[in-house]
Amino acid sequence: MRRRGVTVILGALITALLAVGVMAAPLPYVVLKPGPTVNTLGSDNGTEVIQVTDAKTTTSAGQLRLTTVNVQSQVELVWAISSWFSSSDAVVPRELIYPPDRTEKQVEQQNAEEWTESQNSAVTVALTKLGYPVRAAVNKVTDGGAATGILQKDDIITAVDGTAVDGPSKLTELVRAKPAGSTLTISYQRAGKASTAKITTKASADDNTPRLGIEIAPKQDAPFKVEIDLDKIGGPSAGLMFTLGIMDKLEPADLTGGKIIAGTGTIDNDGNVGPIGGIPQKLVGAKKAGAQLFLVPKGNCAEALRNTVEGLPMAEVATVDDALTALKTFTGGGTPKPCSAA
């Protein structure tokens, strides 16, 4: 009986240890949780999120809050079980966030780069809406390219074959409209003086795309400087809210109408709002922050409708103009265009 008792005790101990090991073993999943929200019109750690120099800014009665998602990258079974039963968390395969061919550090680096790009696009779009159009500036002339000896760094390209160029994307469109080897009439400004030149495009080595042999950067002649100072957040999803925040600070009118508006969405240089990840968690985070309206990218509306948060109306936006219309409607007492599943 004594030997049998010891055997039972050892068996129970081993079983317990194995159970602990299973519970503590990392799983191939990550947990998405509601992250902090930040008022783009306010301060973070004592520093203004959006900083404008050499221009008068205004103060708004309300808030424009960007939303985030926290990613718990090391998940044990006990945490996974807890999150599975949570209404605000999501357990997803690790490879969706951290692809097998990339390290966590590489993913974080990409997120940091996208974060910077989203800020740059937000500034570009906001200044365009404020009356400072984007111009296509030559950033570099490629050695041996079609424009070598013709164009110079800082030249502003204004037209191709008589068609106005209102930014880098338009220039690319016009150059690619004709096959490589075509001779184009390029209108440009150099040190404020208008000139024209004939340039014959060359085919790229990889895909025969017609090229001028220049690198183009967007340029806007605003008499002030806009910078965004916010650390520890990555990815491109704050682009829309940064755009609105910049416009609100530089326009006399208060876009918020004293309301707390939250939202998410990427922004490109043309003002298009793109979909993002983690919309269910962002809705929960926004509600906790007191948001009265959530701006949802059109591409996320179907998912958002499956994860509605009581008391938080949602407005569908596909462009920055849609977002401005939604704000004007909501602050005026109306109902913005709601999300649709289509």
Protein backbone atom coordinates (compact mmCIF):
# COMPACT_ATOMS: atom_id res chain seq x y z
CA MET A 1 0.00 0.00 0.00
CA ARG A 2 2.88 2.32 0.83
CA ARG A 3 4.52 1.66 -2.56
CA ARG A 4 1.20 2.12 -4.34
CA GLY A 5 0.62 5.43 -2.55
CA VAL A 6 4.02 6.75 -3.59
CA THR A 7 3.29 5.74 -7.19
CA VAL A 8 -0.02 7.61 -7.15
CA ILE A 9 1.57 10.72 -5.68
CA LEU A 10 4.42 10.67 -8.23
CA GLY A 11 1.93 10.18 -11.05
CA ALA A 12 -0.14 13.13 -9.87
CA LEU A 13 2.99 15.27 -9.52
CA ILE A 14 4.20 14.40 -13.03
CA THR A 15 0.76 15.12 -14.46
CA ALA A 16 0.69 18.47 -12.69
CA LEU A 17 4.14 19.38 -13.97
CA LEU A 18 3.18 18.42 -17.51
CA ALA A 19 0.03 20.52 -17.23
CA VAL A 20 2.05 23.51 -16.04
CA GLY A 21 4.46 23.00 -18.93
CA VAL A 22 1.64 22.93 -21.44
CA MET A 23 0.03 26.01 -19.93
CA ALA A 24 3.34 27.92 -20.01
CA ALA A 25 4.49 26.80 -23.45
CA PRO A 26 4.38 29.55 -26.11
CA LEU A 27 1.78 29.08 -28.84
CA PRO A 28 1.95 30.02 -32.56
CA TYR A 29 -0.59 32.78 -31.99
CA VAL A 30 -0.67 36.44 -31.01
CA VAL A 31 -3.35 38.32 -29.12
CA LEU A 32 -4.71 41.63 -30.43
CA LYS A 33 -5.95 43.95 -27.69
CA PRO A 34 -7.38 47.49 -27.72
CA GLY A 35 -4.45 49.90 -27.60
CA PRO A 36 -4.22 53.49 -26.40
CA THR A 37 -5.82 56.34 -28.30
CA VAL A 38 -4.11 59.69 -28.81
CA ASN A 39 -5.67 63.09 -29.41
CA THR A 40 -3.80 64.44 -32.44
CA LEU A 41 -4.81 67.95 -31.38
CA GLY A 42 -3.28 67.53 -27.93
CA SER A 43 0.01 66.57 -26.32
CA ASP A 44 1.81 63.34 -25.57
CA ASN A 45 4.22 63.29 -22.63
CA GLY A 46 4.15 67.07 -22.52
CA THR A 47 4.92 67.57 -26.23
CA GLU A 48 2.42 68.66 -28.84
CA VAL A 49 1.63 65.81 -31.22
CA ILE A 50 1.32 68.13 -34.24
CA GLN A 51 3.80 70.99 -34.21
CA VAL A 52 3.51 73.96 -36.55
CA THR A 53 6.20 76.63 -36.81
CA ASP A 54 5.94 80.05 -38.50
CA ALA A 55 2.14 79.94 -38.64
CA LYS A 56 -0.74 80.77 -36.33
CA THR A 57 -2.62 77.75 -35.03
CA THR A 58 -6.05 77.43 -33.45
CA THR A 59 -7.35 75.48 -30.47
CA SER A 60 -10.33 73.16 -30.79
CA ALA A 61 -12.93 72.39 -28.17
CA GLY A 62 -13.08 68.73 -29.15
CA GLN A 63 -10.66 65.94 -29.99
CA LEU A 64 -9.49 63.97 -33.02
CA ARG A 65 -8.18 60.68 -31.65
CA LEU A 66 -6.11 58.12 -33.52
CA THR A 67 -6.60 54.54 -32.40
CA THR A 68 -4.15 51.67 -31.97
CA VAL A 69 -3.91 47.95 -31.34
CA ASN A 70 -1.63 46.28 -28.82
CA VAL A 71 -0.05 43.02 -30.02
CA GLN A 72 0.83 40.42 -27.38
CA SER A 73 3.44 38.46 -29.30
CA GLN A 74 4.28 35.79 -26.69
CA VAL A 75 1.13 33.85 -25.94
CA GLU A 76 0.78 30.99 -23.46
CA LEU A 77 -2.24 28.73 -23.32
CA VAL A 78 -3.67 30.39 -20.24
CA TRP A 79 -3.58 33.79 -21.99
CA ALA A 80 -5.00 32.34 -25.19
CA ILE A 81 -7.94 30.82 -23.31
CA SER A 82 -8.58 34.10 -21.51
CA SER A 83 -8.50 36.07 -24.77
CA TRP A 84 -10.74 33.57 -26.58
CA PHE A 85 -13.47 34.38 -24.05
CA SER A 86 -12.84 38.14 -24.22
CA SER A 87 -15.21 40.30 -26.26
CA SER A 88 -12.48 42.83 -27.03
CA ASP A 89 -9.45 40.60 -27.76
CA ALA A 90 -8.66 38.47 -30.79
CA VAL A 91 -6.40 35.43 -31.00
CA VAL A 92 -4.91 35.16 -34.50
CA PRO A 93 -2.19 33.01 -36.07
CA ARG A 94 1.22 34.50 -35.42
CA GLU A 95 2.13 34.39 -39.11
CA LEU A 96 -0.55 36.98 -39.90
CA ILE A 97 1.39 39.57 -37.91
CA TYR A 98 4.90 38.15 -38.11
CA PRO A 99 5.43 36.34 -41.45
CA PRO A 100 7.65 33.24 -41.17
CA ASP A 101 10.28 34.78 -43.44
CA ARG A 102 10.67 37.88 -41.27
CA THR A 103 11.84 38.49 -37.72
CA GLU A 104 9.95 40.57 -35.20
CA LYS A 105 12.63 43.22 -35.53
CA GLN A 106 12.16 43.37 -39.30
CA VAL A 107 8.40 43.72 -38.91
CA GLU A 108 8.90 46.50 -36.36
CA GLN A 109 11.28 48.26 -38.74
CA GLN A 110 8.71 48.09 -41.53
CA ASN A 111 6.05 49.46 -39.18
CA ALA A 112 8.34 52.35 -38.28
CA GLU A 113 8.91 53.15 -41.95
CA GLU A 114 5.19 53.02 -42.71
CA TRP A 115 4.57 55.26 -39.70
CA THR A 116 6.91 57.90 -41.14
CA GLU A 117 5.41 57.59 -44.62
CA SER A 118 1.90 58.04 -43.22
CA GLN A 119 2.96 61.25 -41.49
CA ASN A 120 4.51 62.59 -44.70
CA SER A 121 1.37 61.78 -46.69
CA ALA A 122 -0.81 63.37 -44.01
CA VAL A 123 1.16 66.62 -44.27
CA THR A 124 1.00 66.50 -48.08
CA VAL A 125 -2.78 65.99 -48.18
CA ALA A 126 -3.53 68.52 -45.43
CA LEU A 127 -1.46 71.25 -47.09
CA THR A 128 -3.07 70.52 -50.46
CA LYS A 129 -6.51 70.98 -48.90
CA LEU A 130 -5.30 74.22 -47.32
CA GLY A 131 -4.33 75.64 -50.70
CA TYR A 132 -0.73 74.56 -51.16
CA PRO A 133 -0.75 72.24 -54.20
CA VAL A 134 1.73 69.43 -54.64
CA ARG A 135 4.36 70.01 -57.28
CA ALA A 136 6.70 67.47 -58.87
CA ALA A 137 10.23 68.41 -57.90
CA VAL A 138 13.33 66.72 -59.31
CA ASN A 139 15.12 65.14 -56.38
CA LYS A 140 17.87 63.45 -58.41
CA VAL A 141 18.93 63.01 -62.04
CA THR A 142 20.10 59.47 -62.75
CA ASP A 143 23.50 59.19 -64.43
CA GLY A 144 23.04 58.10 -68.02
CA GLY A 145 19.27 58.57 -67.86
CA ALA A 146 17.11 60.30 -70.43
CA ALA A 147 17.18 63.63 -68.59
CA THR A 148 20.95 63.72 -67.96
CA GLY A 149 22.31 67.12 -68.97
CA ILE A 150 18.81 68.54 -69.39
CA LEU A 151 17.03 68.59 -66.02
CA GLN A 152 18.63 69.46 -62.68
CA LYS A 153 17.92 68.81 -59.03
CA ASP A 154 15.15 71.08 -57.66
CA ASP A 155 13.61 71.72 -61.09
CA ILE A 156 9.80 71.77 -60.87
CA ILE A 157 8.10 69.87 -63.70
CA THR A 158 4.88 71.65 -64.62
CA ALA A 159 3.64 69.89 -67.78
CA VAL A 160 4.22 67.02 -70.21
CA ASP A 161 3.21 67.66 -73.83
CA GLY A 162 1.05 70.53 -72.63
CA THR A 163 -0.81 68.55 -69.95
CA ALA A 164 -0.41 70.04 -66.49
CA VAL A 165 1.44 68.04 -63.86
CA ASP A 166 -0.08 68.40 -60.39
CA GLY A 167 2.21 66.00 -58.59
CA PRO A 168 4.51 62.97 -58.89
CA SER A 169 1.73 60.50 -59.67
CA LYS A 170 0.45 62.62 -62.57
CA LEU A 171 3.95 62.91 -64.00
CA THR A 172 4.38 59.13 -63.87
CA GLU A 173 1.02 58.65 -65.57
CA LEU A 174 1.89 61.00 -68.43
CA VAL A 175 5.36 59.56 -69.01
CA ARG A 176 4.04 55.99 -69.08
CA ALA A 177 1.20 56.90 -71.45
CA LYS A 178 3.61 56.62 -74.39
CA PRO A 179 6.07 53.81 -75.15
CA ALA A 180 9.76 54.01 -74.30
CA GLY A 181 11.63 55.95 -77.00
CA SER A 182 8.95 58.62 -77.30
CA THR A 183 10.07 62.24 -77.31
CA LEU A 184 8.18 64.35 -74.77
CA THR A 185 8.00 68.09 -74.32
CA ILE A 186 8.76 68.73 -70.67
CA SER A 187 7.82 72.10 -69.19
CA TYR A 188 9.61 73.01 -65.99
CA GLN A 189 10.64 75.82 -63.69
CA ARG A 190 14.19 76.43 -62.55
CA ALA A 191 14.81 79.08 -59.92
CA GLY A 192 11.42 80.57 -60.77
CA LYS A 193 12.06 80.77 -64.53
CA ALA A 194 9.90 78.75 -66.93
CA SER A 195 11.57 76.59 -69.59
CA THR A 196 10.82 73.64 -71.88
CA ALA A 197 12.93 70.77 -73.17
CA LYS A 198 12.58 67.77 -75.45
CA ILE A 199 13.41 64.49 -73.68
CA THR A 200 13.31 61.03 -75.26
CA THR A 201 12.36 58.42 -72.70
CA LYS A 202 14.40 55.27 -72.13
CA ALA A 203 13.17 51.82 -71.21
CA SER A 204 13.93 50.51 -67.74
CA ALA A 205 16.18 47.45 -67.67
CA ASP A 206 13.73 45.26 -65.79
CA ASP A 207 10.32 45.80 -67.39
CA ASN A 208 10.78 48.21 -70.35
CA THR A 209 8.79 50.92 -68.57
CA PRO A 210 9.44 54.35 -70.13
CA ARG A 211 11.59 56.51 -67.86
CA LEU A 212 12.84 60.08 -67.76
CA GLY A 213 15.73 59.00 -65.56
CA ILE A 214 14.86 61.20 -62.60
CA GLU A 215 13.70 60.75 -59.03
CA ILE A 216 10.71 62.90 -58.14
CA ALA A 217 9.65 64.19 -54.73
CA PRO A 218 6.46 66.07 -53.83
CA LYS A 219 7.05 69.72 -52.96
CA GLN A 220 4.70 72.27 -51.45
CA ASP A 221 5.60 75.90 -50.99
CA ALA A 222 3.94 76.48 -47.63
CA PRO A 223 5.42 79.36 -45.57
CA PHE A 224 5.42 77.21 -42.45
CA LYS A 225 6.62 73.82 -41.27
CA VAL A 226 4.57 70.93 -39.91
CA GLU A 227 6.06 68.11 -37.85
CA ILE A 228 4.52 65.20 -35.97
CA ASP A 229 6.09 64.10 -32.70
CA LEU A 230 4.71 60.81 -31.44
CA ASP A 231 6.78 57.75 -30.54
CA LYS A 232 6.10 54.09 -29.78
CA ILE A 233 3.43 53.70 -32.44
CA GLY A 234 4.00 52.06 -35.81
CA GLY A 235 2.25 51.31 -39.06
CA PRO A 236 0.35 53.54 -41.49
CA SER A 237 -3.11 53.51 -39.93
CA ALA A 238 -2.97 56.96 -38.29
CA GLY A 239 -2.66 58.78 -41.61
CA LEU A 240 -6.28 59.95 -41.81
CA MET A 241 -6.42 61.28 -38.25
CA PHE A 242 -3.10 63.10 -38.67
CA THR A 243 -4.44 64.73 -41.83
CA LEU A 244 -7.56 65.96 -40.05
CA GLY A 245 -5.51 67.10 -37.06
CA ILE A 246 -3.17 69.22 -39.20
CA MET A 247 -6.08 70.84 -41.00
CA ASP A 248 -7.89 71.55 -37.75
CA LYS A 249 -4.86 73.27 -36.22
CA LEU A 250 -4.30 75.48 -39.27
CA GLU A 251 -7.90 76.35 -40.14
CA PRO A 252 -9.90 78.95 -38.20
CA ALA A 253 -12.89 76.63 -38.01
CA ASP A 254 -13.11 73.91 -35.37
CA LEU A 255 -13.59 70.66 -37.26
CA THR A 256 -14.56 68.82 -34.07
CA GLY A 257 -17.48 71.03 -33.07
CA GLY A 258 -16.55 70.23 -29.47
CA LYS A 259 -17.05 66.50 -30.07
CA ILE A 260 -14.67 63.60 -29.50
CA ILE A 261 -14.04 62.01 -32.88
CA ALA A 262 -11.97 58.85 -33.29
CA GLY A 263 -10.97 57.00 -36.39
CA THR A 264 -8.39 55.12 -38.37
CA GLY A 265 -7.23 54.60 -41.94
CA THR A 266 -4.19 54.99 -44.13
CA ILE A 267 -3.84 58.04 -46.35
CA ASP A 268 -2.06 58.38 -49.66
CA ASN A 269 -0.85 61.56 -51.36
CA ASP A 270 -4.10 61.78 -53.33
CA GLY A 271 -6.24 61.78 -50.17
CA ASN A 272 -7.57 58.23 -50.46
CA VAL A 273 -8.30 56.42 -47.19
CA GLY A 274 -7.19 52.79 -47.07
CA PRO A 275 -8.22 49.87 -44.83
CA ILE A 276 -6.26 48.77 -41.78
CA GLY A 277 -6.09 45.85 -39.34
CA GLY A 278 -7.55 45.50 -35.86
CA ILE A 279 -10.79 47.43 -36.42
CA PRO A 280 -12.68 45.53 -33.65
CA GLN A 281 -10.03 46.43 -31.06
CA LYS A 282 -9.86 50.04 -32.25
CA LEU A 283 -13.61 50.45 -31.88
CA VAL A 284 -13.42 49.23 -28.28
CA GLY A 285 -10.47 51.51 -27.53
CA ALA A 286 -12.28 54.49 -29.03
CA LYS A 287 -15.39 53.90 -26.95
CA LYS A 288 -13.30 53.69 -23.77
CA ALA A 289 -11.74 57.03 -24.69
CA GLY A 290 -15.18 58.64 -24.89
CA ALA A 291 -15.47 58.83 -28.68
CA GLN A 292 -18.84 59.97 -30.00
CA LEU A 293 -18.18 59.04 -33.64
CA PHE A 294 -15.77 56.65 -35.34
CA LEU A 295 -14.48 57.22 -38.88
CA VAL A 296 -14.18 53.82 -40.58
CA PRO A 297 -12.30 53.22 -43.85
CA LYS A 298 -14.76 51.96 -46.47
CA GLY A 299 -12.69 48.78 -46.86
CA ASN A 300 -13.20 47.97 -43.17
CA CYS A 301 -16.93 48.63 -42.97
CA ALA A 302 -18.08 45.02 -43.36
CA GLU A 303 -15.82 43.92 -40.50
CA ALA A 304 -16.79 46.93 -38.41
CA LEU A 305 -20.49 46.10 -38.78
CA ARG A 306 -19.77 42.61 -37.40
CA ASN A 307 -18.09 44.17 -34.37
CA THR A 308 -20.23 47.18 -33.54
CA VAL A 309 -19.80 48.82 -30.15
CA GLU A 310 -22.97 50.00 -28.47
CA GLY A 311 -23.22 53.77 -28.34
CA LEU A 312 -20.52 54.39 -30.94
CA PRO A 313 -21.90 55.40 -34.36
CA MET A 314 -19.67 54.76 -37.37
CA ALA A 315 -19.20 56.81 -40.53
CA GLU A 316 -17.91 55.33 -43.79
CA VAL A 317 -15.04 57.24 -45.41
CA ALA A 318 -13.15 56.48 -48.61
CA THR A 319 -11.36 59.82 -48.96
CA VAL A 320 -10.33 62.72 -46.77
CA ASP A 321 -13.20 64.69 -48.34
CA ASP A 322 -15.60 62.01 -47.07
CA ALA A 323 -14.14 62.43 -43.59
CA LEU A 324 -14.53 66.22 -43.72
CA THR A 325 -18.14 65.81 -44.85
CA ALA A 326 -18.81 63.34 -42.03
CA LEU A 327 -17.40 65.75 -39.45
CA LYS A 328 -19.42 68.67 -40.79
CA THR A 329 -22.61 66.60 -40.81
CA PHE A 330 -22.07 65.15 -37.33
CA THR A 331 -21.08 68.41 -35.64
CA GLY A 332 -24.07 70.08 -37.30
CA GLY A 333 -26.42 67.61 -35.66
CA GLY A 334 -26.90 65.29 -38.62
CA THR A 335 -26.10 61.65 -39.27
CA PRO A 336 -23.03 60.98 -41.43
CA LYS A 337 -23.08 58.31 -44.11
CA PRO A 338 -23.11 55.05 -42.15
CA CYS A 339 -21.01 51.97 -42.88
CA SER A 340 -22.47 49.58 -45.41
CA ALA A 341 -21.64 45.89 -45.77
CA ALA A 342 -21.29 46.16 -49.56
